[in-house]
Each structure stands twice: as C-alpha cells, then as structure tokens.
Amino acid sequence: MQGGAVFPGKGNHDMDLKGKRALVTGASQGLGRVIALELARKGCEVIVNCAHHPENAQKVADAIAASGGKAEACVCSVSDETAVGAMFEKLGRVDILINNARLDPWRRTAEMTEGEWWSLVMDVNLKGAFLCSMAFFNRAKEYGWGRIVNIASVRSFRPAEMNMIAYGVSKLGMHGLTRAFAENGAPFGITANTVCPGMVVTENINRRLTPEKYREESAAIPLGRGATCGEIADAVLFAVGNGYVTGETININGGMYYAP
C-alpha cells in the first residue's frame, strides 16, 4: 500500500450517531418532524426548532422522549440574527445542523408586494440557513467534527412558475451555501451537503391539494407520486452518516430532474 494508506472494509455511512446533538430547524411538522424523529432513532439528542406554534415542536420532542430518546423544543426565528446567536449560546454544543426551515411558497397573501414577498422568502429560506450555518460553523470547528445538511428543492433547478420564482431562487442559493461551507469546513472535519427533494407528501400537501389535483401533479413525476417524508429523511441520514461526502447535492425527486 503506497504511502501507508489504509483500506478498511467498512465505510462510515452507518457511523454511530449516539449522543450527537442535532438541531433541526422548522421541525414542528412535516418533513422536519420526520427528520427529527429519524435522527433520534439513530441515537441523536435532537433540538426541535420552530418559529411559531411551540406546542407542535413540544409534541415532537415529547414523541422522541416517549420512545426513549432525548429532545427539547426550541423557539427561534432563524431569520433573526440576534435570536440565532442567543439560541446557539443557550444550546451549547451542536454537532449536526439540518437547515430545513422554509417559508411555504403558497403562503403569500394578496396584500404583499413583489418586493415584500421576495424579502420574506429570502429572509427565512436563505438568510436563515446562512445565519444558522455561520453560528454552527464557528463552534463546530473547535470540536473537529460537524455536519450541515441544507434542504433545498427541485424548484432550484427546474423552471419555476411565476408565483414560485422567489422560492426557487432562494433554494438555488442554498447550493452555493453548501459548497462554501464544504470547502471551508473540510479542514475542521465539517461536511456540508444539500438534499434536494421533489414533491413531498406532508400535511401541507394534503391540505392544499384535492385527491384529483394530487393525481394531476403526480402525473408529471416519472415515478407517478410524491415522496414520503421518510424517503427524504433517508437521504438526510446518509449525508449525516457518511464522512466522505461533502459539497454535494442529493437529488431525490422521483425522476423530475436528472443532475448533469
């Protein structure tokens, strides 16, 4: 073996995460909730973040505790720099950051101007991920280990409808965020990756789409359906558990988009 290289037979994609502290933003419902539950199942101590409805975040934390895990709810708007700094100071060590918080693209009200909507989407979806990543990075580099996973969207690659432009651009920006933290984090044992879902069947989807509309939208997906939250969470766990993947985008969209 040249240079004293070691070739272990087992990869670290199934590394032991027991006791690692994981912060999942936007985890009070939907995909974030399932990611939090799955990280807890792998042995992580989970911080369940939300900006609104702390009672829902507490329910997720309680569900984890009821299954024998450790979790706490944490209320913080990720777009508020002062609040983010205070959150990380309070939490202490955090090993894993999942930037999942987002502004639902269907929440725009008729009263909002284009500029107001653009600023609101960017504040939550992109600025929030940046602020959390910076606060996380500045601490994790001292520990010599860290994982950042950014949840983007297939909308960052596919042409967006007019009402989805701000959302798509905000998610496209997350790829640049991932690569910057991957490059700068590598010397400190910190990896950063993006998970890029297509349509995911969550509570919001079930509220927004009638069964007929769901079938119509699913027809545009080669696999003919939306993903379950568990299928997306599997990709997140891979990015957390594999220490040699960094700066990458994991597309998981049923064939809606193929990476070049």
Protein backbone atom coordinates (compact mmCIF):
# COMPACT_ATOMS: atom_id res chain seq x y z
CA MET A 1 0.00 0.00 0.00
CA GLN A 2 1.55 3.27 -1.10
CA GLY A 3 2.04 5.97 1.49
CA GLY A 4 0.80 3.76 4.29
CA ALA A 5 -2.79 4.04 3.05
CA VAL A 6 -5.39 2.07 4.92
CA PHE A 7 -8.31 0.48 3.11
CA PRO A 8 -10.95 -0.51 5.68
CA GLY A 9 -13.59 -2.93 4.54
CA LYS A 10 -16.40 -0.96 6.14
CA GLY A 11 -17.44 2.57 5.26
CA ASN A 12 -18.69 5.08 7.80
CA HIS A 13 -22.08 5.70 6.24
CA ASP A 14 -23.53 3.88 9.23
CA MET A 15 -21.39 5.65 11.82
CA ASP A 16 -22.62 5.69 15.39
CA LEU A 17 -24.55 8.91 15.99
CA LYS A 18 -25.45 8.10 19.58
CA GLY A 19 -25.08 11.16 21.75
CA LYS A 20 -24.57 13.59 18.85
CA ARG A 21 -26.62 16.74 19.27
CA ALA A 22 -28.70 17.62 16.21
CA LEU A 23 -30.56 20.87 15.57
CA VAL A 24 -33.37 20.59 13.02
CA THR A 25 -34.90 23.92 12.02
CA GLY A 26 -38.56 24.03 11.06
CA ALA A 27 -39.13 20.69 12.78
CA SER A 28 -42.57 21.12 14.33
CA GLN A 29 -44.33 19.45 11.40
CA GLY A 30 -43.93 17.84 8.01
CA LEU A 31 -40.52 16.84 6.72
CA GLY A 32 -38.65 18.49 9.59
CA ARG A 33 -40.64 16.49 12.12
CA VAL A 34 -39.78 13.18 10.43
CA ILE A 35 -36.09 14.12 10.11
CA ALA A 36 -36.04 14.90 13.85
CA LEU A 37 -37.69 11.57 14.68
CA GLU A 38 -35.28 9.62 12.48
CA LEU A 39 -32.21 11.32 13.93
CA ALA A 40 -33.50 10.47 17.39
CA ARG A 41 -33.99 6.86 16.32
CA LYS A 42 -30.29 6.82 15.38
CA GLY A 43 -29.40 7.94 18.88
CA CYS A 44 -29.06 11.70 18.44
CA GLU A 45 -30.17 14.19 21.03
CA VAL A 46 -32.49 16.39 18.98
CA ILE A 47 -33.30 20.08 19.26
CA VAL A 48 -36.70 20.62 17.64
CA ASN A 49 -36.75 24.19 16.34
CA CYS A 50 -39.72 26.22 15.21
CA ALA A 51 -40.55 29.91 14.80
CA HIS A 52 -44.26 29.53 15.51
CA HIS A 53 -46.51 27.02 17.27
CA PRO A 54 -44.15 25.91 20.04
CA GLU A 55 -46.81 23.45 21.18
CA ASN A 56 -46.23 21.46 17.99
CA ALA A 57 -42.47 21.44 18.49
CA GLN A 58 -43.02 20.24 22.05
CA LYS A 59 -45.21 17.40 20.76
CA VAL A 60 -42.32 16.24 18.55
CA ALA A 61 -39.91 16.43 21.48
CA ASP A 62 -42.39 14.54 23.65
CA ALA A 63 -42.77 11.82 21.00
CA ILE A 64 -39.00 11.36 20.94
CA ALA A 65 -38.86 11.19 24.72
CA ALA A 66 -41.72 8.67 24.78
CA SER A 67 -39.64 6.43 22.52
CA GLY A 68 -36.69 6.59 24.89
CA GLY A 69 -34.79 9.39 23.16
CA LYS A 70 -33.66 12.82 24.23
CA ALA A 71 -35.11 16.00 22.74
CA GLU A 72 -36.00 19.57 23.53
CA ALA A 73 -38.15 22.17 21.80
CA CYS A 74 -36.55 25.47 20.84
CA VAL A 75 -38.43 28.52 19.59
CA CYS A 76 -36.37 30.83 17.38
CA SER A 77 -36.92 32.68 14.12
CA VAL A 78 -33.90 31.70 12.01
CA SER A 79 -34.04 34.99 10.10
CA ASP A 80 -33.36 36.97 13.30
CA GLU A 81 -29.58 37.22 13.72
CA THR A 82 -29.71 38.18 17.38
CA ALA A 83 -32.12 35.35 18.18
CA VAL A 84 -29.99 32.81 16.30
CA GLY A 85 -26.88 33.85 18.22
CA ALA A 86 -28.74 33.57 21.51
CA MET A 87 -30.12 30.16 20.54
CA PHE A 88 -26.68 28.70 19.87
CA GLU A 89 -25.29 30.22 23.07
CA LYS A 90 -28.07 28.58 25.04
CA LEU A 91 -27.81 25.21 23.32
CA GLY A 92 -24.08 24.73 23.80
CA ARG A 93 -22.56 22.02 21.67
CA VAL A 94 -24.39 21.16 18.44
CA ASP A 95 -22.86 18.50 16.17
CA ILE A 96 -25.41 18.33 13.36
CA LEU A 97 -27.35 21.16 11.71
CA ILE A 98 -30.29 20.45 9.41
CA ASN A 99 -31.40 23.68 7.71
CA ASN A 100 -34.99 22.72 6.96
CA ALA A 101 -36.92 25.88 7.92
CA ARG A 102 -38.64 27.45 4.96
CA LEU A 103 -41.43 29.78 4.04
CA ASP A 104 -44.12 27.82 2.25
CA PRO A 105 -44.43 29.26 -1.28
CA TRP A 106 -48.21 29.10 -1.05
CA ARG A 107 -48.42 31.40 1.98
CA ARG A 108 -48.22 34.66 0.08
CA THR A 109 -51.18 36.94 0.76
CA ALA A 110 -52.82 39.17 -1.81
CA GLU A 111 -51.70 42.29 0.08
CA MET A 112 -47.97 41.57 -0.31
CA THR A 113 -45.99 43.43 -2.95
CA GLU A 114 -43.44 41.57 -5.07
CA GLY A 115 -40.61 43.12 -3.06
CA GLU A 116 -42.18 42.25 0.28
CA TRP A 117 -42.68 38.65 -0.73
CA TRP A 118 -39.15 38.35 -2.13
CA SER A 119 -37.60 39.72 1.06
CA LEU A 120 -39.70 37.48 3.30
CA VAL A 121 -38.83 34.32 1.35
CA MET A 122 -35.11 35.14 1.22
CA ASP A 123 -35.03 36.00 4.92
CA VAL A 124 -36.35 32.62 6.01
CA ASN A 125 -35.15 30.25 3.30
CA LEU A 126 -31.65 31.56 2.58
CA LYS A 127 -30.63 34.13 5.17
CA GLY A 128 -31.89 31.84 7.94
CA ALA A 129 -29.81 28.92 6.66
CA PHE A 130 -26.77 31.20 6.38
CA LEU A 131 -27.11 32.60 9.91
CA CYS A 132 -27.56 29.15 11.45
CA SER A 133 -24.67 27.73 9.44
CA MET A 134 -22.33 30.53 10.49
CA ALA A 135 -23.22 30.17 14.17
CA PHE A 136 -22.85 26.39 13.90
CA PHE A 137 -19.57 26.52 11.96
CA ASN A 138 -17.85 28.88 14.38
CA ARG A 139 -18.47 26.41 17.17
CA ALA A 140 -18.13 23.07 15.37
CA LYS A 141 -14.66 23.85 14.03
CA GLU A 142 -13.46 23.84 17.64
CA TYR A 143 -14.78 20.29 18.06
CA GLY A 144 -13.21 18.95 14.86
CA TRP A 145 -16.47 17.38 13.66
CA GLY A 146 -19.72 18.64 12.21
CA ARG A 147 -22.46 18.02 9.67
CA ILE A 148 -24.54 20.59 7.78
CA VAL A 149 -27.42 19.41 5.61
CA ASN A 150 -29.37 22.02 3.66
CA ILE A 151 -32.84 21.10 2.44
CA ALA A 152 -33.31 22.70 -0.98
CA SER A 153 -35.86 21.80 -3.67
CA VAL A 154 -36.18 20.52 -7.21
CA ARG A 155 -37.53 24.03 -7.85
CA SER A 156 -33.95 25.28 -7.66
CA PHE A 157 -33.21 23.51 -10.97
CA ARG A 158 -36.49 23.32 -12.86
CA PRO A 159 -38.04 26.46 -14.38
CA ALA A 160 -40.40 27.93 -11.81
CA GLU A 161 -43.90 29.25 -12.34
CA MET A 162 -44.26 32.98 -11.77
CA ASN A 163 -45.52 32.51 -8.22
CA MET A 164 -42.57 30.21 -7.40
CA ILE A 165 -39.66 32.37 -8.64
CA ALA A 166 -38.64 33.74 -5.24
CA TYR A 167 -38.88 30.29 -3.67
CA GLY A 168 -36.85 28.66 -6.46
CA VAL A 169 -34.11 31.29 -6.32
CA SER A 170 -33.88 31.02 -2.52
CA LYS A 171 -33.40 27.27 -2.80
CA LEU A 172 -30.86 27.65 -5.61
CA GLY A 173 -28.82 29.86 -3.30
CA MET A 174 -28.56 27.01 -0.81
CA HIS A 175 -26.35 25.07 -3.22
CA GLY A 176 -23.80 27.88 -3.13
CA LEU A 177 -24.10 27.97 0.65
CA THR A 178 -23.42 24.23 0.82
CA ARG A 179 -20.31 24.39 -1.34
CA ALA A 180 -18.86 27.32 0.58
CA PHE A 181 -19.24 25.58 3.93
CA ALA A 182 -17.98 22.30 2.47
CA GLU A 183 -14.79 23.98 1.24
CA ASN A 184 -14.18 25.94 4.42
CA GLY A 185 -15.28 23.17 6.75
CA ALA A 186 -13.17 20.33 5.37
CA PRO A 187 -10.01 21.18 7.37
CA PHE A 188 -12.10 21.01 10.56
CA GLY A 189 -13.90 17.74 9.86
CA ILE A 190 -17.11 19.54 8.91
CA THR A 191 -19.07 18.37 5.88
CA ALA A 192 -21.92 20.20 4.14
CA ASN A 193 -24.37 18.74 1.66
CA THR A 194 -27.70 19.57 0.08
CA VAL A 195 -30.71 17.29 -0.09
CA CYS A 196 -32.94 18.38 -2.94
CA PRO A 197 -36.46 16.90 -2.80
CA GLY A 198 -39.22 17.00 -5.35
CA MET A 199 -42.83 16.91 -4.20
CA VAL A 200 -43.09 15.57 -0.65
CA VAL A 201 -46.37 14.38 0.80
CA THR A 202 -46.79 16.35 4.03
CA GLU A 203 -49.65 17.83 5.99
CA ASN A 204 -49.43 20.97 3.84
CA ILE A 205 -49.72 19.00 0.61
CA ASN A 206 -52.73 17.14 1.96
CA ARG A 207 -54.37 20.42 2.93
CA ARG A 208 -53.53 22.20 -0.31
CA LEU A 209 -54.31 19.53 -2.90
CA THR A 210 -57.52 17.67 -3.52
CA PRO A 211 -57.06 13.99 -4.45
CA GLU A 212 -57.74 14.91 -8.06
CA LYS A 213 -55.16 17.71 -8.04
CA TYR A 214 -52.61 15.41 -6.39
CA ARG A 215 -53.08 12.84 -9.16
CA GLU A 216 -52.69 15.60 -11.75
CA GLU A 217 -49.43 16.88 -10.27
CA SER A 218 -48.13 13.35 -9.69
CA ALA A 219 -48.63 12.58 -13.38
CA ALA A 220 -45.74 14.97 -14.15
CA ILE A 221 -43.40 12.87 -11.99
CA PRO A 222 -41.88 9.84 -13.78
CA LEU A 223 -42.44 7.62 -10.72
CA GLY A 224 -46.01 8.86 -10.54
CA ARG A 225 -46.18 10.01 -6.92
CA GLY A 226 -44.74 12.34 -4.32
CA ALA A 227 -42.07 11.19 -1.89
CA THR A 228 -42.82 10.20 1.66
CA CYS A 229 -41.10 12.24 4.36
CA GLY A 230 -39.28 9.07 5.36
CA GLU A 231 -37.72 8.72 1.92
CA ILE A 232 -36.29 12.23 2.14
CA ALA A 233 -35.15 11.64 5.71
CA ASP A 234 -33.20 8.60 4.46
CA ALA A 235 -31.15 10.91 2.22
CA VAL A 236 -30.53 13.28 5.13
CA LEU A 237 -29.30 10.40 7.30
CA PHE A 238 -26.94 9.34 4.51
CA ALA A 239 -25.46 12.85 4.32
CA VAL A 240 -25.05 12.92 8.10
CA GLY A 241 -23.61 9.42 8.38
CA ASN A 242 -21.12 9.50 5.51
CA GLY A 243 -18.00 11.45 6.39
CA TYR A 244 -16.53 11.48 2.88
CA VAL A 245 -19.41 13.11 1.00
CA THR A 246 -19.24 16.90 1.06
CA GLY A 247 -20.27 19.78 -1.19
CA GLU A 248 -22.74 17.52 -2.99
CA THR A 249 -26.39 17.70 -3.96
CA ILE A 250 -28.51 14.61 -3.38
CA ASN A 251 -31.44 14.78 -5.79
CA ILE A 252 -34.42 12.74 -4.67
CA ASN A 253 -37.38 13.68 -6.80
CA GLY A 254 -38.89 10.64 -8.49
CA GLY A 255 -37.15 11.44 -11.78
CA MET A 256 -38.36 15.04 -12.17
CA TYR A 257 -34.78 16.23 -12.63
CA TYR A 258 -31.56 14.42 -13.53
CA ALA A 259 -28.30 16.03 -12.44
CA PRO A 260 -25.91 16.65 -15.37
